[in-house]
C-alpha atoms as a PDB file:
ATOM      1  CA  MET A   1      90.749 -76.139 174.943  1.00  0.00           C
ATOM      2  CA  PRO A   2      87.912 -73.902 176.115  1.00  0.00           C
ATOM      3  CA  GLN A   3      88.495 -70.327 175.086  1.00  0.00           C
ATOM      4  CA  SER A   4      86.015 -67.557 175.570  1.00  0.00           C
ATOM      5  CA  LEU A   5      84.608 -66.040 172.426  1.00  0.00           C
ATOM      6  CA  SER A   6      83.746 -62.391 172.640  1.00  0.00           C
ATOM      7  CA  SER A   7      81.143 -60.991 170.272  1.00  0.00           C
ATOM      8  CA  MET A   8      83.907 -58.995 168.579  1.00  0.00           C
ATOM      9  CA  ARG A   9      85.958 -62.138 167.947  1.00  0.00           C
ATOM     10  CA  ILE A  10      82.942 -64.015 166.605  1.00  0.00           C
ATOM     11  CA  LYS A  11      82.255 -61.116 164.228  1.00  0.00           C
ATOM     12  CA  ARG A  12      85.919 -61.078 163.161  1.00  0.00           C
ATOM     13  CA  LEU A  13      85.952 -64.871 162.598  1.00  0.00           C
ATOM     14  CA  ASN A  14      82.771 -64.584 160.556  1.00  0.00           C
ATOM     15  CA  SER A  15      84.282 -61.750 158.497  1.00  0.00           C
ATOM     16  CA  LEU A  16      87.448 -63.784 157.962  1.00  0.00           C
ATOM     17  CA  LEU A  17      85.537 -66.792 156.644  1.00  0.00           C
ATOM     18  CA  THR A  18      83.311 -64.583 154.505  1.00  0.00           C
ATOM     19  CA  VAL A  19      86.362 -63.015 152.847  1.00  0.00           C
ATOM     20  CA  LEU A  20      88.010 -66.417 152.403  1.00  0.00           C
ATOM     21  CA  SER A  21      84.849 -67.881 150.876  1.00  0.00           C
ATOM     22  CA  ASN A  22      84.506 -64.985 148.407  1.00  0.00           C
ATOM     23  CA  ASP A  23      88.050 -65.230 147.036  1.00  0.00           C
ATOM     24  CA  SER A  24      89.685 -68.311 145.560  1.00  0.00           C
ATOM     25  CA  TYR A  25      93.112 -67.381 146.899  1.00  0.00           C
ATOM     26  CA  ILE A  26      93.870 -64.387 149.090  1.00  0.00           C
ATOM     27  CA  THR A  27      97.225 -63.093 150.277  1.00  0.00           C
ATOM     28  CA  LEU A  28      98.135 -62.311 153.859  1.00  0.00           C
ATOM     29  CA  GLU A  29      98.205 -58.584 153.105  1.00  0.00           C
ATOM     30  CA  GLU A  30      94.732 -58.704 151.541  1.00  0.00           C
ATOM     31  CA  LEU A  31      93.328 -60.577 154.536  1.00  0.00           C
ATOM     32  CA  LEU A  32      94.865 -58.113 156.975  1.00  0.00           C
ATOM     33  CA  GLU A  33      93.361 -55.214 155.054  1.00  0.00           C
ATOM     34  CA  LYS A  34      89.914 -56.653 154.288  1.00  0.00           C
ATOM     35  CA  VAL A  35      89.243 -58.023 157.772  1.00  0.00           C
ATOM     36  CA  LYS A  36      91.063 -55.138 159.488  1.00  0.00           C
ATOM     37  CA  TYR A  37      93.407 -57.285 161.565  1.00  0.00           C
ATOM     38  CA  PRO A  38      95.799 -55.375 163.824  1.00  0.00           C
ATOM     39  CA  SER A  39      98.639 -57.796 163.053  1.00  0.00           C
ATOM     40  CA  ALA A  40      99.616 -60.976 161.226  1.00  0.00           C
ATOM     41  CA  ARG A  41      99.929 -62.705 164.608  1.00  0.00           C
ATOM     42  CA  ALA A  42      96.280 -61.994 165.439  1.00  0.00           C
ATOM     43  CA  LEU A  43      95.252 -63.425 162.071  1.00  0.00           C
ATOM     44  CA  GLY A  44      97.418 -66.492 162.672  1.00  0.00           C
ATOM     45  CA  ARG A  45      95.784 -67.082 166.058  1.00  0.00           C
ATOM     46  CA  ASP A  46      92.314 -66.870 164.517  1.00  0.00           C
ATOM     47  CA  LEU A  47      93.246 -69.237 161.686  1.00  0.00           C
ATOM     48  CA  GLN A  48      94.626 -71.730 164.200  1.00  0.00           C
ATOM     49  CA  PHE A  49      91.532 -71.372 166.391  1.00  0.00           C
ATOM     50  CA  LEU A  50      89.188 -72.001 163.434  1.00  0.00           C
ATOM     51  CA  ARG A  51      91.194 -75.068 162.419  1.00  0.00           C
ATOM     52  CA  LYS A  52      91.219 -76.618 165.892  1.00  0.00           C
ATOM     53  CA  ALA A  53      87.866 -75.575 167.376  1.00  0.00           C
ATOM     54  CA  PHE A  54      85.692 -75.808 164.259  1.00  0.00           C
ATOM     55  CA  ASN A  55      87.626 -78.131 161.917  1.00  0.00           C
ATOM     56  CA  VAL A  56      87.808 -75.416 159.264  1.00  0.00           C
ATOM     57  CA  LYS A  57      90.067 -76.415 156.374  1.00  0.00           C
ATOM     58  CA  ILE A  58      92.238 -73.462 155.341  1.00  0.00           C
ATOM     59  CA  THR A  59      95.425 -74.089 153.409  1.00  0.00           C
ATOM     60  CA  TYR A  60      98.325 -71.909 152.357  1.00  0.00           C
ATOM     61  CA  SER A  61      99.552 -72.185 148.772  1.00  0.00           C
ATOM     62  CA  ARG A  62     103.261 -71.599 148.344  1.00  0.00           C
ATOM     63  CA  TYR A  63     102.682 -71.341 144.611  1.00  0.00           C
ATOM     64  CA  PHE A  64     100.168 -68.464 144.918  1.00  0.00           C
ATOM     65  CA  HIS A  65     101.551 -67.161 148.235  1.00  0.00           C
ATOM     66  CA  ALA A  66      97.963 -67.055 149.431  1.00  0.00           C
ATOM     67  CA  TYR A  67      95.384 -68.697 151.685  1.00  0.00           C
ATOM     68  CA  HIS A  68      92.565 -70.866 150.381  1.00  0.00           C
ATOM     69  CA  LEU A  69      89.380 -71.981 152.143  1.00  0.00           C
ATOM     70  CA  ILE A  70      88.539 -75.598 151.423  1.00  0.00           C
ATOM     71  CA  HIS A  71      85.740 -76.248 153.935  1.00  0.00           C
ATOM     72  CA  THR A  72      84.029 -74.188 156.657  1.00  0.00           C
ATOM     73  CA  GLY A  73      83.924 -77.189 158.992  1.00  0.00           C
ATOM     74  CA  ASP A  74      81.522 -76.789 161.902  1.00  0.00           C
ATOM     75  CA  PHE A  75      81.566 -72.981 161.847  1.00  0.00           C
ATOM     76  CA  VAL A  76      78.180 -71.533 160.918  1.00  0.00           C
ATOM     77  CA  LEU A  77      78.914 -68.763 158.458  1.00  0.00           C
ATOM     78  CA  ARG A  78      76.476 -65.885 158.647  1.00  0.00           C
ATOM     79  CA  THR A  79      76.150 -63.377 155.848  1.00  0.00           C
ATOM     80  CA  LEU A  80      76.497 -59.852 157.200  1.00  0.00           C
ATOM     81  CA  SER A  81      74.308 -57.079 155.929  1.00  0.00           C
ATOM     82  CA  SER A  82      75.984 -53.840 154.933  1.00  0.00           C
ATOM     83  CA  LYS A  83      74.743 -52.234 158.178  1.00  0.00           C
ATOM     84  CA  GLU A  84      76.515 -54.868 160.302  1.00  0.00           C
ATOM     85  CA  GLU A  85      79.897 -54.639 158.577  1.00  0.00           C
END
């Protein structure tokens, strides 16, 4: 399953996990807006990639209609400074 990771994708994955870790539950629309995803499909691909490549535990709650981060797995989350965002 080797996939190349561009620096832009790594930054986007880091932003995604940062947003997920800051909010208890977050809707699809909020994720798309906060992380600036071009589409729901792109977000879905990144979620799937994080789950498979890094064992990140992200669930979807039908009750809240929102995503929830349970564990960051093997992904090393880096806090971005305001200049980097």
